[in-house]
Amino acid sequence: MSLILFYGVPEGCSFGSIVALEWSGLPYHLCRVPMPEVVSGAEYSRINTVGETPSLLLPDDRLISESMAILNYIGAHSIDKGLGFAQGTVEFDQLNQMLAYLNTSFFNAFGPLWHTVEHELEPAEKEVLVAYGTARVEKVHRTLERLLAGRKWLLGDRPGIADAYFTGIARWNDFHGVVDRSRFPAVSDLYQRMQQEPAVRFAHAVEHQEKAESIGRFLGEVELEEALGLLRQAA
C-alpha cells in the first residue's frame, strides 16, 4: 500500500505536506477531509483522535499526525532528493529548528483570527481578537523578514520542506487580509516565488477540485470510507 495523506479543506495546514510529497517522488494517495464537519466526526476520529489534519497512513498501516512529524517523515525518506538530512547533522538541526518556528510561532499567530471565523462572538470580543491576531501576524512577519535576510529560501539554495510549510501558512494572511505583505519584501518575494512552483500550483488545484497536474507520483484520491476499509483490513 502506498502512503495516504488525509488533507483538510478549506485552507487546511495539510498544504505543505502535499507540496513536500510532490517533491519527494514517493508514491501517494490523497484523502479529502472537509472541515469542520467531517474532520471532527466519529469516522475520522479513527484516523486522528484529535480531529485534525493532516494525517499520514503509512504502508505498514501506522498513522502519523501533526505537520511537523509528517514533514520530517517525508524528509527522512527523501534525503536523496535533498528534502531531508541525516539526524545528527547540522542541516537536520537547522531544518528541525525552522519547522519548529513555523509550527509554534508562525502557525499559532493566526490562531486568534481563525477563532473569530469559527465561533460566534460579540462584536467587542471579535474586535479585540482581530487586533491581537493582527499584531501577532505582523510580529512573525518581521521575524521571518530577518531570518530571510540575504537569502532566497528559508534554508539552503533551493526550495525545501520549510518553504512548503511556510507557503501553506502564509496564504492565511490572504484569507484574513490583516497584513500588507509588501511591507516585508523578503517574505513577499519568497511567497510569490513559491506560487510559481508546479507542486504549489498542484496543491492549490487539488484543494479547489480543479484539474491538477502532478509532477510527483500522485496516484489519485481515495474516499474516507475506502481508507477506513484499508485500516479495518489491517486490524
C-alpha atoms as a PDB file:
ATOM      1  CA  MET A   1       0.000   0.000   0.000  1.00  0.00           C
ATOM      2  CA  SER A   2       1.240   3.492  -0.802  1.00  0.00           C
ATOM      3  CA  LEU A   3       1.069   6.497   1.513  1.00  0.00           C
ATOM      4  CA  ILE A   4      -2.312   8.160   2.048  1.00  0.00           C
ATOM      5  CA  LEU A   5      -2.318  11.791   3.148  1.00  0.00           C
ATOM      6  CA  PHE A   6      -5.549  12.972   4.762  1.00  0.00           C
ATOM      7  CA  TYR A   7      -5.781  16.667   3.945  1.00  0.00           C
ATOM      8  CA  GLY A   8      -8.188  19.256   5.282  1.00  0.00           C
ATOM      9  CA  VAL A   9     -10.215  21.769   3.276  1.00  0.00           C
ATOM     10  CA  PRO A  10     -10.733  24.656   3.059  1.00  0.00           C
ATOM     11  CA  GLU A  11      -7.369  26.333   3.818  1.00  0.00           C
ATOM     12  CA  GLY A  12      -6.005  23.304   5.646  1.00  0.00           C
ATOM     13  CA  CYS A  13      -2.499  23.212   7.103  1.00  0.00           C
ATOM     14  CA  SER A  14      -2.020  19.981   5.100  1.00  0.00           C
ATOM     15  CA  PHE A  15      -0.973  22.128   2.136  1.00  0.00           C
ATOM     16  CA  GLY A  16       2.760  21.968   2.881  1.00  0.00           C
ATOM     17  CA  SER A  17       2.658  18.178   3.175  1.00  0.00           C
ATOM     18  CA  ILE A  18       1.072  17.895  -0.293  1.00  0.00           C
ATOM     19  CA  VAL A  19       3.813  20.085  -1.758  1.00  0.00           C
ATOM     20  CA  ALA A  20       6.516  18.059   0.006  1.00  0.00           C
ATOM     21  CA  LEU A  21       5.059  14.774  -1.239  1.00  0.00           C
ATOM     22  CA  GLU A  22       5.064  16.110  -4.793  1.00  0.00           C
ATOM     23  CA  TRP A  23       8.748  16.981  -4.487  1.00  0.00           C
ATOM     24  CA  SER A  24       9.661  13.726  -2.750  1.00  0.00           C
ATOM     25  CA  GLY A  25       8.872  11.326  -5.564  1.00  0.00           C
ATOM     26  CA  LEU A  26       7.190   8.989  -3.054  1.00  0.00           C
ATOM     27  CA  PRO A  27       4.027   7.286  -4.359  1.00  0.00           C
ATOM     28  CA  TYR A  28       0.968   8.566  -2.507  1.00  0.00           C
ATOM     29  CA  HIS A  29      -2.796   8.964  -2.500  1.00  0.00           C
ATOM     30  CA  LEU A  30      -4.811  11.846  -1.073  1.00  0.00           C
ATOM     31  CA  CYS A  31      -7.988  11.679   1.006  1.00  0.00           C
ATOM     32  CA  ARG A  32     -10.066  14.854   1.219  1.00  0.00           C
ATOM     33  CA  VAL A  33     -11.444  15.703   4.676  1.00  0.00           C
ATOM     34  CA  PRO A  34     -13.877  18.670   4.802  1.00  0.00           C
ATOM     35  CA  MET A  35     -13.539  20.904   7.873  1.00  0.00           C
ATOM     36  CA  PRO A  36     -15.055  21.285  10.362  1.00  0.00           C
ATOM     37  CA  GLU A  37     -17.870  18.800   9.802  1.00  0.00           C
ATOM     38  CA  VAL A  38     -16.016  15.625   8.745  1.00  0.00           C
ATOM     39  CA  VAL A  39     -12.697  16.278  10.498  1.00  0.00           C
ATOM     40  CA  SER A  40     -14.459  16.373  13.872  1.00  0.00           C
ATOM     41  CA  GLY A  41     -16.701  13.374  13.140  1.00  0.00           C
ATOM     42  CA  ALA A  42     -16.625   9.876  14.579  1.00  0.00           C
ATOM     43  CA  GLU A  43     -15.360   8.247  11.377  1.00  0.00           C
ATOM     44  CA  TYR A  44     -12.301  10.438  11.022  1.00  0.00           C
ATOM     45  CA  SER A  45     -11.505  10.002  14.720  1.00  0.00           C
ATOM     46  CA  ARG A  46     -10.281   6.520  13.794  1.00  0.00           C
ATOM     47  CA  ILE A  47      -7.598   8.250  11.712  1.00  0.00           C
ATOM     48  CA  ASN A  48      -6.839  11.116  14.086  1.00  0.00           C
ATOM     49  CA  THR A  49      -8.289  11.090  17.599  1.00  0.00           C
ATOM     50  CA  VAL A  50      -7.565  14.823  17.969  1.00  0.00           C
ATOM     51  CA  GLY A  51      -9.779  15.591  14.970  1.00  0.00           C
ATOM     52  CA  GLU A  52      -7.185  17.471  12.951  1.00  0.00           C
ATOM     53  CA  THR A  53      -5.434  17.266   9.610  1.00  0.00           C
ATOM     54  CA  PRO A  54      -3.039  16.320   8.188  1.00  0.00           C
ATOM     55  CA  SER A  55      -2.630  12.635   8.971  1.00  0.00           C
ATOM     56  CA  LEU A  56      -0.488  10.195   7.032  1.00  0.00           C
ATOM     57  CA  LEU A  57      -1.243   6.489   6.668  1.00  0.00           C
ATOM     58  CA  LEU A  58       1.994   4.594   6.082  1.00  0.00           C
ATOM     59  CA  PRO A  59       2.474   1.411   4.018  1.00  0.00           C
ATOM     60  CA  ASP A  60       2.890  -0.600   7.248  1.00  0.00           C
ATOM     61  CA  ASP A  61      -0.543   0.675   8.443  1.00  0.00           C
ATOM     62  CA  ARG A  62       0.860   3.045  11.060  1.00  0.00           C
ATOM     63  CA  LEU A  63      -0.591   6.543  11.279  1.00  0.00           C
ATOM     64  CA  ILE A  64       1.348   9.780  11.792  1.00  0.00           C
ATOM     65  CA  SER A  65      -0.316  13.082  12.662  1.00  0.00           C
ATOM     66  CA  GLU A  66       0.935  16.681  13.050  1.00  0.00           C
ATOM     67  CA  SER A  67       2.515  18.562  10.145  1.00  0.00           C
ATOM     68  CA  MET A  68       5.988  18.690  11.667  1.00  0.00           C
ATOM     69  CA  ALA A  69       6.096  14.918  12.173  1.00  0.00           C
ATOM     70  CA  ILE A  70       4.741  14.242   8.672  1.00  0.00           C
ATOM     71  CA  LEU A  71       7.181  16.649   7.036  1.00  0.00           C
ATOM     72  CA  ASN A  72      10.062  15.058   8.939  1.00  0.00           C
ATOM     73  CA  TYR A  73       8.911  11.619   7.749  1.00  0.00           C
ATOM     74  CA  ILE A  74       8.809  12.803   4.132  1.00  0.00           C
ATOM     75  CA  GLY A  75      12.231  14.413   4.506  1.00  0.00           C
ATOM     76  CA  ALA A  76      13.749  11.288   6.058  1.00  0.00           C
ATOM     77  CA  HIS A  77      12.552   9.267   3.076  1.00  0.00           C
ATOM     78  CA  SER A  78      13.701  11.878   0.556  1.00  0.00           C
ATOM     79  CA  ILE A  79      17.292  12.543   1.588  1.00  0.00           C
ATOM     80  CA  ASP A  80      18.395  11.645  -1.941  1.00  0.00           C
ATOM     81  CA  LYS A  81      16.154  14.493  -3.182  1.00  0.00           C
ATOM     82  CA  GLY A  82      17.710  16.996  -0.793  1.00  0.00           C
ATOM     83  CA  LEU A  83      14.481  17.387   1.175  1.00  0.00           C
ATOM     84  CA  GLY A  84      15.756  15.803   4.373  1.00  0.00           C
ATOM     85  CA  PHE A  85      19.015  15.208   6.176  1.00  0.00           C
ATOM     86  CA  ALA A  86      20.516  12.537   8.387  1.00  0.00           C
ATOM     87  CA  GLN A  87      19.765  13.040  12.057  1.00  0.00           C
ATOM     88  CA  GLY A  88      22.737  14.480  13.897  1.00  0.00           C
ATOM     89  CA  THR A  89      23.881  16.662  11.010  1.00  0.00           C
ATOM     90  CA  VAL A  90      23.934  20.461  11.108  1.00  0.00           C
ATOM     91  CA  GLU A  91      21.443  20.543   8.219  1.00  0.00           C
ATOM     92  CA  PHE A  92      18.989  18.320  10.093  1.00  0.00           C
ATOM     93  CA  ASP A  93      19.129  20.575  13.148  1.00  0.00           C
ATOM     94  CA  GLN A  94      18.629  23.705  11.040  1.00  0.00           C
ATOM     95  CA  LEU A  95      15.619  22.203   9.267  1.00  0.00           C
ATOM     96  CA  ASN A  96      14.077  20.999  12.522  1.00  0.00           C
ATOM     97  CA  GLN A  97      14.599  24.416  14.101  1.00  0.00           C
ATOM     98  CA  MET A  98      12.942  26.205  11.192  1.00  0.00           C
ATOM     99  CA  LEU A  99       9.992  23.793  11.114  1.00  0.00           C
ATOM    100  CA  ALA A 100       9.565  24.247  14.858  1.00  0.00           C
ATOM    101  CA  TYR A 101       9.476  28.044  14.489  1.00  0.00           C
ATOM    102  CA  LEU A 102       6.925  27.841  11.704  1.00  0.00           C
ATOM    103  CA  ASN A 103       4.830  25.430  13.766  1.00  0.00           C
ATOM    104  CA  THR A 104       4.925  27.155  17.135  1.00  0.00           C
ATOM    105  CA  SER A 105       5.103  30.833  16.159  1.00  0.00           C
ATOM    106  CA  PHE A 106       4.056  31.437  12.545  1.00  0.00           C
ATOM    107  CA  PHE A 107       1.174  28.948  12.607  1.00  0.00           C
ATOM    108  CA  ASN A 108      -0.086  29.953  16.042  1.00  0.00           C
ATOM    109  CA  ALA A 109      -0.044  33.672  15.226  1.00  0.00           C
ATOM    110  CA  PHE A 110      -3.155  33.109  13.118  1.00  0.00           C
ATOM    111  CA  GLY A 111      -4.996  31.311  15.934  1.00  0.00           C
ATOM    112  CA  PRO A 112      -6.951  34.325  17.221  1.00  0.00           C
ATOM    113  CA  LEU A 113      -8.030  35.203  13.668  1.00  0.00           C
ATOM    114  CA  TRP A 114      -9.277  31.689  12.958  1.00  0.00           C
ATOM    115  CA  HIS A 115     -11.172  31.786  16.257  1.00  0.00           C
ATOM    116  CA  THR A 116     -13.175  34.773  15.021  1.00  0.00           C
ATOM    117  CA  VAL A 117     -14.120  32.841  11.875  1.00  0.00           C
ATOM    118  CA  GLU A 118     -15.024  29.573  13.576  1.00  0.00           C
ATOM    119  CA  HIS A 119     -17.014  30.940  16.549  1.00  0.00           C
ATOM    120  CA  GLU A 120     -19.894  33.339  17.072  1.00  0.00           C
ATOM    121  CA  LEU A 121     -18.622  36.291  19.072  1.00  0.00           C
ATOM    122  CA  GLU A 122     -19.865  39.592  20.353  1.00  0.00           C
ATOM    123  CA  PRO A 123     -18.560  42.498  18.210  1.00  0.00           C
ATOM    124  CA  ALA A 124     -16.313  43.767  21.013  1.00  0.00           C
ATOM    125  CA  GLU A 125     -14.806  40.307  21.542  1.00  0.00           C
ATOM    126  CA  LYS A 126     -14.151  39.914  17.840  1.00  0.00           C
ATOM    127  CA  GLU A 127     -12.525  43.337  17.615  1.00  0.00           C
ATOM    128  CA  VAL A 128     -10.111  42.501  20.435  1.00  0.00           C
ATOM    129  CA  LEU A 129      -9.166  39.122  18.916  1.00  0.00           C
ATOM    130  CA  VAL A 130      -8.643  40.595  15.446  1.00  0.00           C
ATOM    131  CA  ALA A 131      -6.382  43.302  16.877  1.00  0.00           C
ATOM    132  CA  TYR A 132      -4.432  40.747  18.903  1.00  0.00           C
ATOM    133  CA  GLY A 133      -4.132  38.344  15.955  1.00  0.00           C
ATOM    134  CA  THR A 134      -3.055  41.119  13.599  1.00  0.00           C
ATOM    135  CA  ALA A 135      -0.280  42.177  15.991  1.00  0.00           C
ATOM    136  CA  ARG A 136       0.947  38.587  16.254  1.00  0.00           C
ATOM    137  CA  VAL A 137       0.913  38.077  12.485  1.00  0.00           C
ATOM    138  CA  GLU A 138       2.874  41.300  11.984  1.00  0.00           C
ATOM    139  CA  LYS A 139       5.435  40.185  14.576  1.00  0.00           C
ATOM    140  CA  VAL A 140       6.107  36.817  12.917  1.00  0.00           C
ATOM    141  CA  HIS A 141       6.387  38.515   9.526  1.00  0.00           C
ATOM    142  CA  ARG A 142       9.055  40.833  10.970  1.00  0.00           C
ATOM    143  CA  THR A 143      10.913  37.821  12.354  1.00  0.00           C
ATOM    144  CA  LEU A 144      10.783  35.933   9.062  1.00  0.00           C
ATOM    145  CA  GLU A 145      11.996  39.047   7.265  1.00  0.00           C
ATOM    146  CA  ARG A 146      15.100  38.976   9.477  1.00  0.00           C
ATOM    147  CA  LEU A 147      15.579  35.239   9.034  1.00  0.00           C
ATOM    148  CA  LEU A 148      15.444  35.638   5.254  1.00  0.00           C
ATOM    149  CA  ALA A 149      17.986  38.466   5.105  1.00  0.00           C
ATOM    150  CA  GLY A 150      20.191  37.875   2.073  1.00  0.00           C
ATOM    151  CA  ARG A 151      18.536  34.546   1.200  1.00  0.00           C
ATOM    152  CA  LYS A 152      16.036  33.427  -1.433  1.00  0.00           C
ATOM    153  CA  TRP A 153      14.820  30.413   0.549  1.00  0.00           C
ATOM    154  CA  LEU A 154      14.367  29.698   4.233  1.00  0.00           C
ATOM    155  CA  LEU A 155      17.174  27.133   4.138  1.00  0.00           C
ATOM    156  CA  GLY A 156      19.770  26.287   1.517  1.00  0.00           C
ATOM    157  CA  ASP A 157      19.960  27.338  -2.099  1.00  0.00           C
ATOM    158  CA  ARG A 158      16.697  25.815  -3.326  1.00  0.00           C
ATOM    159  CA  PRO A 159      13.121  25.404  -2.122  1.00  0.00           C
ATOM    160  CA  GLY A 160      12.616  22.760   0.525  1.00  0.00           C
ATOM    161  CA  ILE A 161      10.257  21.385   3.128  1.00  0.00           C
ATOM    162  CA  ALA A 162      10.391  24.518   5.282  1.00  0.00           C
ATOM    163  CA  ASP A 163       9.359  26.672   2.311  1.00  0.00           C
ATOM    164  CA  ALA A 164       6.476  24.294   1.570  1.00  0.00           C
ATOM    165  CA  TYR A 165       5.215  24.540   5.144  1.00  0.00           C
ATOM    166  CA  PHE A 166       5.670  28.323   5.153  1.00  0.00           C
ATOM    167  CA  THR A 167       3.585  28.685   1.993  1.00  0.00           C
ATOM    168  CA  GLY A 168       0.628  26.740   3.357  1.00  0.00           C
ATOM    169  CA  ILE A 169       0.504  29.013   6.400  1.00  0.00           C
ATOM    170  CA  ALA A 170       1.396  32.319   4.723  1.00  0.00           C
ATOM    171  CA  ARG A 171      -1.659  32.149   2.450  1.00  0.00           C
ATOM    172  CA  TRP A 172      -3.835  32.534   5.535  1.00  0.00           C
ATOM    173  CA  ASN A 173      -2.892  36.199   5.510  1.00  0.00           C
ATOM    174  CA  ASP A 174      -4.606  36.463   2.120  1.00  0.00           C
ATOM    175  CA  PHE A 175      -7.716  34.863   3.646  1.00  0.00           C
ATOM    176  CA  HIS A 176      -7.821  37.173   6.684  1.00  0.00           C
ATOM    177  CA  GLY A 177      -6.367  40.242   4.946  1.00  0.00           C
ATOM    178  CA  VAL A 178      -4.640  41.648   8.026  1.00  0.00           C
ATOM    179  CA  VAL A 179      -1.046  42.398   6.957  1.00  0.00           C
ATOM    180  CA  ASP A 180       0.250  44.161   3.870  1.00  0.00           C
ATOM    181  CA  ARG A 181       2.845  41.587   2.847  1.00  0.00           C
ATOM    182  CA  SER A 182       4.619  44.100   0.597  1.00  0.00           C
ATOM    183  CA  ARG A 183       5.935  45.743   3.789  1.00  0.00           C
ATOM    184  CA  PHE A 184       8.112  42.642   4.168  1.00  0.00           C
ATOM    185  CA  PRO A 185       9.922  42.342   0.810  1.00  0.00           C
ATOM    186  CA  ALA A 186      11.863  39.145   1.526  1.00  0.00           C
ATOM    187  CA  VAL A 187       8.782  37.340   2.829  1.00  0.00           C
ATOM    188  CA  SER A 188       6.711  38.621  -0.077  1.00  0.00           C
ATOM    189  CA  ASP A 189       9.330  37.553  -2.632  1.00  0.00           C
ATOM    190  CA  LEU A 190       9.527  34.057  -1.111  1.00  0.00           C
ATOM    191  CA  TYR A 191       5.755  33.702  -1.136  1.00  0.00           C
ATOM    192  CA  GLN A 192       5.436  34.887  -4.741  1.00  0.00           C
ATOM    193  CA  ARG A 193       8.342  32.692  -5.839  1.00  0.00           C
ATOM    194  CA  MET A 194       6.685  29.673  -4.271  1.00  0.00           C
ATOM    195  CA  GLN A 195       3.458  30.367  -6.180  1.00  0.00           C
ATOM    196  CA  GLN A 196       5.391  29.599  -9.370  1.00  0.00           C
ATOM    197  CA  GLU A 197       6.416  26.137  -8.143  1.00  0.00           C
ATOM    198  CA  PRO A 198       4.471  23.407 -10.012  1.00  0.00           C
ATOM    199  CA  ALA A 199       3.997  21.473  -6.745  1.00  0.00           C
ATOM    200  CA  VAL A 200       2.363  24.526  -5.161  1.00  0.00           C
ATOM    201  CA  ARG A 201       0.077  25.043  -8.158  1.00  0.00           C
ATOM    202  CA  PHE A 202      -0.836  21.348  -7.915  1.00  0.00           C
ATOM    203  CA  ALA A 203      -1.723  21.665  -4.214  1.00  0.00           C
ATOM    204  CA  HIS A 204      -3.890  24.734  -4.887  1.00  0.00           C
ATOM    205  CA  ALA A 205      -5.690  22.915  -7.704  1.00  0.00           C
ATOM    206  CA  VAL A 206      -6.289  19.827  -5.561  1.00  0.00           C
ATOM    207  CA  GLU A 207      -7.805  21.895  -2.755  1.00  0.00           C
ATOM    208  CA  HIS A 208     -10.142  23.694  -5.168  1.00  0.00           C
ATOM    209  CA  GLN A 209     -11.012  20.460  -7.012  1.00  0.00           C
ATOM    210  CA  GLU A 210      -9.641  21.826 -10.259  1.00  0.00           C
ATOM    211  CA  LYS A 211      -7.615  20.000 -12.888  1.00  0.00           C
ATOM    212  CA  ALA A 212      -4.338  19.212 -11.152  1.00  0.00           C
ATOM    213  CA  GLU A 213      -1.116  18.237 -12.898  1.00  0.00           C
ATOM    214  CA  SER A 214       1.192  16.243 -10.657  1.00  0.00           C
ATOM    215  CA  ILE A 215       4.962  16.444 -11.024  1.00  0.00           C
ATOM    216  CA  GLY A 216       5.363  13.653  -8.478  1.00  0.00           C
ATOM    217  CA  ARG A 217       3.923  10.191  -8.011  1.00  0.00           C
ATOM    218  CA  PHE A 218       0.368  11.124  -7.079  1.00  0.00           C
ATOM    219  CA  LEU A 219      -1.838   8.037  -7.510  1.00  0.00           C
ATOM    220  CA  GLY A 220      -5.219   9.709  -7.155  1.00  0.00           C
ATOM    221  CA  GLU A 221      -7.744  10.426  -4.431  1.00  0.00           C
ATOM    222  CA  VAL A 222      -9.456   7.895  -2.190  1.00  0.00           C
ATOM    223  CA  GLU A 223     -12.665   8.364  -0.250  1.00  0.00           C
ATOM    224  CA  LEU A 224     -12.538   8.360   3.547  1.00  0.00           C
ATOM    225  CA  GLU A 225     -14.652   5.185   3.695  1.00  0.00           C
ATOM    226  CA  GLU A 226     -12.193   3.428   1.398  1.00  0.00           C
ATOM    227  CA  ALA A 227      -9.266   4.461   3.600  1.00  0.00           C
ATOM    228  CA  LEU A 228     -11.121   3.272   6.690  1.00  0.00           C
ATOM    229  CA  GLY A 229     -11.719  -0.026   4.923  1.00  0.00           C
ATOM    230  CA  LEU A 230      -7.982  -0.437   4.445  1.00  0.00           C
ATOM    231  CA  LEU A 231      -7.497   0.142   8.160  1.00  0.00           C
ATOM    232  CA  ARG A 232     -10.170  -2.430   9.006  1.00  0.00           C
ATOM    233  CA  GLN A 233      -8.451  -4.997   6.791  1.00  0.00           C
ATOM    234  CA  ALA A 234      -5.139  -4.323   8.505  1.00  0.00           C
ATOM    235  CA  ALA A 235      -6.596  -4.622  12.031  1.00  0.00           C
END
